[in-house]
Amino acid sequence: MAMLETLDTSSEFATDEVEASLPDPRTGYRAFALGAFKLSRDEYFVRIEWPAKGQTRSHLIPADAFLRATMRDVAWGFFYGWVNFDHVIGTRNHYGKVDLYAGTFNGVLREAGVDYCEQFETPNIMATFKAILRDWTNAGFDPFAAPEETGSAFGPKNGDNIEAIERVRIATKRMPGLPDDSPLRDHLPVNRQFADVVQDEPQIHAAEGFEGRLHAFNLFKYLSRSDVTWNPSVTSVCKASLFCPTTEEFILPVFHGNDRIEWFLQLSDEIIWDIGDKDDGSPRARITMRAGDICAMPADIRHQGYSTKRSMLLVWENATPNLPQRYESGELKPYPADF
């Protein structure tokens, strides 16, 4: 769940394109417009409105769920393929342009003809989503954190939490800890659910002539010090092959719809995955992954995970640029093997 492409997600990124209202006199929150979409929030809910069949349609999402989903969409640079905030609202990445849709990948709404989709230049939709996060995230609430680790997203506007939503992803070139590469996390505390993780680093004994050319680090230690959930970091880059481990607790805030195959390796504890059809969301499977389990997430599904005990997951990504087109055209099968 991480990408080689880098994207400027700073607060100044295309801010002149953001359409925002004055703060609401009662709640203190601004409303935003993105094309024909209107987005607003109150003490409990985010309301998304769009036109269909000559009327204005609307959908509500709890404010905490919306902010957690938007945070991942921003942090992932709209990620590979589809980021479904829930069964109605989501985005699709065209790598330079991004679709915002309502009901397009919901079989019922699409059949009724009340779905809507609009495409935006990536900088424009990114700037609006960043502005929404800045305005709608109250002091004390961290949309990256597990529920036990953060405050409430609800109520009228109460300050902000810019530090939480402006975390900067440091791109890994080869592997963390190498000279001029992403740093290890020694400055971060060990998470409360990983208190039993050994913190020793491996000893490196290089053969004569290979001194300084061999590198290793303790991946479990590295992950035990992650201060976010459901937000993978690249820890190994070999051409287009990316190892992207992450720590998972509570619920993946989105249903991720794949535009390529992902491989999952469960490193610790347990995650339960709900698997649905990518196009209409109809259920396909439920998978329980325990430590040591491996599975492939096909290119034609969406998935959402649940983890009670904070767990470690390694996602293996193929970042080859033309993969989405090859899968969509049928050149490549959506699954990795025939049985």
Protein backbone atom coordinates (compact mmCIF):
# COMPACT_ATOMS: atom_id res chain seq x y z
CA MET A 1 0.00 0.00 0.00
CA ALA A 2 2.71 2.44 -0.88
CA MET A 3 3.90 3.97 -4.09
CA LEU A 4 7.17 4.91 -5.73
CA GLU A 5 5.68 8.07 -7.22
CA THR A 6 6.13 11.14 -5.05
CA LEU A 7 3.53 13.88 -4.83
CA ASP A 8 3.65 17.29 -3.20
CA THR A 9 0.88 17.14 -0.61
CA SER A 10 1.83 20.30 1.26
CA SER A 11 -0.88 22.70 2.32
CA GLU A 12 0.27 25.18 -0.36
CA PHE A 13 -0.25 22.64 -3.18
CA ALA A 14 -2.75 24.27 -5.62
CA THR A 15 -4.54 26.04 -2.77
CA ASP A 16 -5.84 28.70 -5.15
CA GLU A 17 -8.09 26.01 -6.66
CA VAL A 18 -9.93 25.27 -3.38
CA GLU A 19 -13.55 26.46 -3.16
CA ALA A 20 -14.50 26.93 0.48
CA SER A 21 -17.25 28.80 2.29
CA LEU A 22 -16.96 30.99 5.34
CA PRO A 23 -17.16 29.09 8.64
CA ASP A 24 -20.68 28.04 9.52
CA PRO A 25 -21.92 30.38 12.30
CA ARG A 26 -23.25 27.46 14.37
CA THR A 27 -20.70 24.63 13.89
CA GLY A 28 -17.61 26.63 12.86
CA TYR A 29 -16.81 24.32 9.93
CA ARG A 30 -16.35 25.44 6.34
CA ALA A 31 -18.14 23.76 3.42
CA PHE A 32 -16.26 22.83 0.25
CA ALA A 33 -17.12 22.46 -3.43
CA LEU A 34 -15.26 20.19 -5.85
CA GLY A 35 -16.79 20.43 -9.30
CA ALA A 36 -20.47 19.55 -8.86
CA PHE A 37 -19.79 17.86 -5.51
CA LYS A 38 -20.60 19.71 -2.28
CA LEU A 39 -19.01 18.57 0.99
CA SER A 40 -19.97 19.81 4.44
CA ARG A 41 -19.93 18.54 8.01
CA ASP A 42 -21.75 19.10 11.28
CA GLU A 43 -21.09 17.83 14.80
CA TYR A 44 -21.42 14.16 13.81
CA PHE A 45 -21.64 13.65 10.04
CA VAL A 46 -20.06 14.59 6.72
CA ARG A 47 -22.62 15.22 3.97
CA ILE A 48 -21.66 14.69 0.32
CA GLU A 49 -24.06 16.04 -2.34
CA TRP A 50 -24.07 15.50 -6.10
CA PRO A 51 -26.47 15.94 -9.05
CA ALA A 52 -28.32 12.98 -10.61
CA LYS A 53 -31.58 12.76 -12.59
CA GLY A 54 -32.23 16.47 -12.18
CA GLN A 55 -32.09 16.35 -8.38
CA THR A 56 -29.52 16.77 -5.65
CA ARG A 57 -28.60 13.45 -4.05
CA SER A 58 -26.79 13.18 -0.73
CA HIS A 59 -24.96 10.68 1.44
CA LEU A 60 -23.85 10.83 5.09
CA ILE A 61 -20.63 9.42 6.56
CA PRO A 62 -19.70 9.67 10.27
CA ALA A 63 -17.12 12.43 10.62
CA ASP A 64 -14.43 10.20 12.16
CA ALA A 65 -14.76 7.57 9.42
CA PHE A 66 -14.62 10.21 6.68
CA LEU A 67 -11.51 11.88 8.13
CA ARG A 68 -9.69 8.54 8.53
CA ALA A 69 -10.49 7.63 4.92
CA THR A 70 -9.53 11.05 3.56
CA MET A 71 -6.28 10.94 5.53
CA ARG A 72 -5.28 7.67 3.82
CA ASP A 73 -6.29 8.95 0.39
CA VAL A 74 -4.07 12.01 0.89
CA ALA A 75 -1.18 10.07 2.44
CA TRP A 76 -1.24 7.43 -0.30
CA GLY A 77 -1.41 9.98 -3.12
CA PHE A 78 -4.76 8.36 -4.11
CA PHE A 79 -2.98 5.01 -4.19
CA TYR A 80 -3.24 2.19 -6.72
CA GLY A 81 -6.73 2.10 -8.18
CA TRP A 82 -9.80 2.69 -6.04
CA VAL A 83 -10.15 4.09 -2.52
CA ASN A 84 -13.75 3.49 -1.44
CA PHE A 85 -14.53 5.57 1.65
CA ASP A 86 -17.60 3.36 2.12
CA HIS A 87 -20.15 1.63 -0.15
CA VAL A 88 -21.02 4.92 -1.94
CA ILE A 89 -18.18 7.49 -1.99
CA GLY A 90 -14.64 7.04 -3.26
CA THR A 91 -11.81 8.01 -5.59
CA ARG A 92 -10.09 6.33 -8.53
CA ASN A 93 -6.49 7.15 -9.42
CA HIS A 94 -5.64 7.67 -13.10
CA TYR A 95 -2.10 8.80 -12.20
CA GLY A 96 -2.30 12.47 -13.10
CA LYS A 97 -6.05 12.73 -12.82
CA VAL A 98 -8.41 11.43 -10.13
CA ASP A 99 -12.11 10.51 -10.24
CA LEU A 100 -14.35 11.42 -7.31
CA TYR A 101 -17.49 9.27 -7.49
CA ALA A 102 -20.75 8.66 -5.67
CA GLY A 103 -22.44 5.32 -6.28
CA THR A 104 -20.44 4.51 -9.43
CA PHE A 105 -19.19 1.25 -7.89
CA ASN A 106 -22.39 0.52 -5.97
CA GLY A 107 -24.57 -1.91 -7.92
CA VAL A 108 -27.89 -0.60 -6.53
CA LEU A 109 -27.22 3.13 -7.03
CA ARG A 110 -25.70 2.61 -10.45
CA GLU A 111 -28.69 0.54 -11.61
CA ALA A 112 -31.04 3.25 -10.33
CA GLY A 113 -29.11 5.86 -12.32
CA VAL A 114 -28.38 8.09 -9.33
CA ASP A 115 -24.62 7.67 -9.42
CA TYR A 116 -22.22 10.46 -10.39
CA CYS A 117 -18.53 10.69 -11.25
CA GLU A 118 -16.33 13.68 -12.02
CA GLN A 119 -12.63 13.76 -12.89
CA PHE A 120 -10.13 16.29 -11.54
CA GLU A 121 -6.49 17.13 -12.03
CA THR A 122 -4.59 15.50 -9.18
CA PRO A 123 -3.29 18.79 -7.68
CA ASN A 124 -6.82 20.24 -7.51
CA ILE A 125 -8.51 17.36 -5.68
CA MET A 126 -5.46 16.93 -3.46
CA ALA A 127 -5.58 20.58 -2.43
CA THR A 128 -9.28 20.35 -1.57
CA PHE A 129 -8.85 17.15 0.46
CA LYS A 130 -5.93 18.72 2.32
CA ALA A 131 -8.00 21.82 3.08
CA ILE A 132 -10.86 19.64 4.35
CA LEU A 133 -8.53 17.78 6.69
CA ARG A 134 -7.09 21.02 8.04
CA ASP A 135 -10.51 22.53 8.71
CA TRP A 136 -12.47 19.47 9.88
CA THR A 137 -9.85 17.77 12.11
CA ASN A 138 -10.30 19.08 15.64
CA ALA A 139 -7.62 19.44 18.30
CA GLY A 140 -6.86 16.11 19.96
CA PHE A 141 -8.12 13.94 17.07
CA ASP A 142 -5.56 12.07 14.94
CA PRO A 143 -7.12 10.38 11.89
CA PHE A 144 -3.99 8.19 11.56
CA ALA A 145 -4.31 6.72 15.06
CA ALA A 146 -6.24 3.79 16.48
CA PRO A 147 -9.39 4.79 18.42
CA GLU A 148 -7.75 4.09 21.81
CA GLU A 149 -4.89 6.40 20.92
CA THR A 150 -6.80 9.54 19.95
CA GLY A 151 -9.58 11.87 20.98
CA SER A 152 -12.96 12.54 19.44
CA ALA A 153 -13.67 13.80 15.93
CA PHE A 154 -17.17 14.93 16.92
CA GLY A 155 -18.71 18.16 18.12
CA PRO A 156 -18.41 21.75 16.83
CA LYS A 157 -15.10 23.05 15.54
CA ASN A 158 -12.46 23.02 18.24
CA GLY A 159 -9.01 24.06 17.09
CA ASP A 160 -7.00 21.83 14.73
CA ASN A 161 -4.30 19.16 14.67
CA ILE A 162 -2.01 20.23 11.83
CA GLU A 163 0.92 18.21 13.19
CA ALA A 164 -1.04 14.95 12.84
CA ILE A 165 -2.33 15.50 9.32
CA GLU A 166 0.88 17.01 7.94
CA ARG A 167 3.14 14.04 8.65
CA VAL A 168 5.72 13.85 5.89
CA ARG A 169 6.40 10.51 4.21
CA ILE A 170 10.12 10.03 3.64
CA ALA A 171 10.58 8.12 0.39
CA THR A 172 12.79 5.05 0.66
CA LYS A 173 15.24 4.63 -2.21
CA ARG A 174 16.53 1.15 -1.31
CA MET A 175 16.16 0.33 2.40
CA PRO A 176 15.79 2.28 5.66
CA GLY A 177 19.02 2.90 7.53
CA LEU A 178 21.28 3.07 4.49
CA PRO A 179 23.34 6.25 4.02
CA ASP A 180 21.21 9.02 2.45
CA ASP A 181 18.11 6.83 2.69
CA SER A 182 15.06 6.91 4.95
CA PRO A 183 15.92 6.80 8.68
CA LEU A 184 15.13 4.10 11.20
CA ARG A 185 12.62 4.98 13.93
CA ASP A 186 14.86 4.97 16.97
CA HIS A 187 13.49 8.36 18.06
CA LEU A 188 9.89 7.03 18.27
CA PRO A 189 8.53 5.10 21.28
CA VAL A 190 7.49 1.45 21.07
CA ASN A 191 3.72 1.14 20.62
CA ARG A 192 1.77 -0.07 23.64
CA GLN A 193 0.74 -3.32 21.87
CA PHE A 194 4.29 -4.19 20.82
CA ALA A 195 5.95 -4.04 24.25
CA ASP A 196 7.20 -7.62 23.80
CA VAL A 197 9.01 -6.96 20.50
CA VAL A 198 12.78 -7.43 20.77
CA GLN A 199 14.59 -4.18 19.99
CA ASP A 200 18.03 -5.58 19.17
CA GLU A 201 19.47 -4.79 15.75
CA PRO A 202 21.12 -7.62 13.74
CA GLN A 203 24.89 -8.01 13.72
CA ILE A 204 26.48 -7.77 10.28
CA HIS A 205 29.56 -9.86 9.50
CA ALA A 206 30.65 -9.11 5.95
CA ALA A 207 33.17 -11.22 4.09
CA GLU A 208 36.50 -9.61 3.31
CA GLY A 209 36.10 -7.12 0.49
CA PHE A 210 32.38 -6.59 1.15
CA GLU A 211 32.68 -4.33 4.18
CA GLY A 212 30.11 -1.52 4.03
CA ARG A 213 28.19 -3.23 1.21
CA LEU A 214 25.88 -5.35 3.37
CA HIS A 215 22.95 -3.83 5.28
CA ALA A 216 20.27 -5.18 7.61
CA PHE A 217 17.84 -3.85 10.19
CA ASN A 218 15.28 -5.25 12.62
CA LEU A 219 11.97 -4.96 10.74
CA PHE A 220 9.88 -5.91 13.79
CA LYS A 221 11.60 -3.19 15.84
CA TYR A 222 10.99 -0.72 13.00
CA LEU A 223 7.29 -1.59 12.83
CA SER A 224 6.86 -1.66 16.61
CA ARG A 225 7.72 2.06 16.58
CA SER A 226 5.20 3.08 13.94
CA ASP A 227 3.00 5.91 15.21
CA VAL A 228 0.24 5.37 12.62
CA THR A 229 -2.12 2.58 11.58
CA TRP A 230 -3.05 1.30 8.11
CA ASN A 231 -0.37 3.45 6.47
CA PRO A 232 2.37 1.36 4.83
CA SER A 233 5.98 2.44 4.46
CA VAL A 234 8.34 1.21 1.77
CA THR A 235 11.16 -0.78 3.39
CA SER A 236 12.66 -2.46 0.32
CA VAL A 237 12.95 -1.19 -3.25
CA CYS A 238 14.25 -3.48 -5.99
CA LYS A 239 13.35 -1.88 -9.33
CA ALA A 240 9.51 -2.07 -9.41
CA SER A 241 9.27 -4.50 -6.49
CA LEU A 242 8.24 -2.84 -3.22
CA PHE A 243 7.98 -4.35 0.26
CA CYS A 244 5.49 -2.18 2.17
CA PRO A 245 4.96 -3.29 5.79
CA THR A 246 2.51 -1.60 8.12
CA THR A 247 0.83 -1.96 11.50
CA GLU A 248 -2.91 -2.54 11.65
CA GLU A 249 -5.38 -1.94 14.47
CA PHE A 250 -9.17 -1.57 14.43
CA ILE A 251 -10.55 -1.21 10.86
CA LEU A 252 -8.90 -0.30 7.56
CA PRO A 253 -10.73 3.02 6.99
CA VAL A 254 -11.39 2.29 3.31
CA PHE A 255 -12.34 -0.55 0.98
CA HIS A 256 -9.32 -0.63 -1.30
CA GLY A 257 -10.14 -1.61 -4.89
CA ASN A 258 -7.13 -3.08 -6.65
CA ASP A 259 -5.87 -2.19 -10.13
CA ARG A 260 -3.11 -4.81 -9.77
CA ILE A 261 -2.42 -7.91 -7.67
CA GLU A 262 -1.16 -7.37 -4.13
CA TRP A 263 0.51 -10.03 -2.01
CA PHE A 264 -0.11 -10.02 1.76
CA LEU A 265 2.18 -11.71 4.31
CA GLN A 266 0.87 -11.70 7.87
CA LEU A 267 3.88 -11.10 10.11
CA SER A 268 2.14 -11.20 13.50
CA ASP A 269 -1.23 -11.71 15.17
CA GLU A 270 -4.41 -11.74 13.01
CA ILE A 271 -6.36 -9.74 10.44
CA ILE A 272 -9.81 -10.64 9.09
CA TRP A 273 -10.47 -9.43 5.53
CA ASP A 274 -13.82 -8.84 3.86
CA ILE A 275 -13.44 -9.27 0.10
CA GLY A 276 -15.97 -7.83 -2.37
CA ASP A 277 -16.35 -7.42 -6.11
CA LYS A 278 -14.48 -4.31 -7.28
CA ASP A 279 -17.26 -3.05 -9.55
CA ASP A 280 -20.42 -3.47 -7.45
CA GLY A 281 -19.22 -4.37 -3.94
CA SER A 282 -21.02 -7.73 -3.76
CA PRO A 283 -19.36 -10.07 -1.22
CA ARG A 284 -16.86 -12.62 -2.49
CA ALA A 285 -15.03 -14.01 0.52
CA ARG A 286 -13.91 -13.57 4.11
CA ILE A 287 -10.30 -14.41 4.90
CA THR A 288 -8.70 -14.87 8.32
CA MET A 289 -4.93 -14.37 8.17
CA ARG A 290 -2.72 -15.41 11.08
CA ALA A 291 1.03 -15.05 11.52
CA GLY A 292 2.82 -16.75 8.63
CA ASP A 293 -0.18 -16.79 6.28
CA ILE A 294 0.22 -15.49 2.72
CA CYS A 295 -2.52 -14.58 0.27
CA ALA A 296 -2.90 -12.70 -3.00
CA MET A 297 -5.46 -9.93 -3.36
CA PRO A 298 -6.58 -10.15 -7.03
CA ALA A 299 -6.82 -7.19 -9.40
CA ASP A 300 -10.64 -7.36 -9.59
CA ILE A 301 -11.62 -7.08 -5.90
CA ARG A 302 -11.96 -4.60 -3.05
CA HIS A 303 -10.91 -5.44 0.50
CA GLN A 304 -11.24 -4.11 4.05
CA GLY A 305 -9.44 -5.49 7.11
CA TYR A 306 -10.18 -5.81 10.84
CA SER A 307 -7.53 -6.28 13.53
CA THR A 308 -8.27 -6.36 17.27
CA LYS A 309 -4.66 -6.80 18.40
CA ARG A 310 -2.32 -4.43 16.62
CA SER A 311 -0.69 -6.60 13.99
CA MET A 312 2.14 -6.42 11.49
CA LEU A 313 1.41 -6.93 7.79
CA LEU A 314 3.82 -6.98 4.84
CA VAL A 315 2.29 -5.91 1.52
CA TRP A 316 4.28 -6.75 -1.61
CA GLU A 317 3.52 -4.33 -4.43
CA ASN A 318 4.42 -4.34 -8.11
CA ALA A 319 4.93 -0.70 -9.13
CA THR A 320 5.31 -1.38 -12.87
CA PRO A 321 3.67 1.71 -14.45
CA ASN A 322 1.51 0.04 -17.13
CA LEU A 323 -0.01 -2.69 -14.97
CA PRO A 324 -3.50 -1.12 -14.61
CA GLN A 325 -3.96 -0.95 -18.38
CA ARG A 326 -2.75 -4.53 -18.86
CA TYR A 327 -5.20 -5.87 -16.27
CA GLU A 328 -8.10 -3.72 -17.48
CA SER A 329 -7.60 -4.82 -21.11
CA GLY A 330 -7.65 -8.48 -20.14
CA GLU A 331 -4.05 -9.06 -21.21
CA LEU A 332 -3.28 -10.20 -17.66
CA LYS A 333 -5.56 -12.39 -15.57
CA PRO A 334 -6.74 -10.72 -12.32
CA TYR A 335 -5.30 -13.56 -10.21
CA PRO A 336 -1.68 -14.76 -10.04
CA ALA A 337 -2.07 -18.50 -10.60
CA ASP A 338 -4.39 -21.14 -12.10
CA PHE A 339 -5.18 -24.27 -10.09
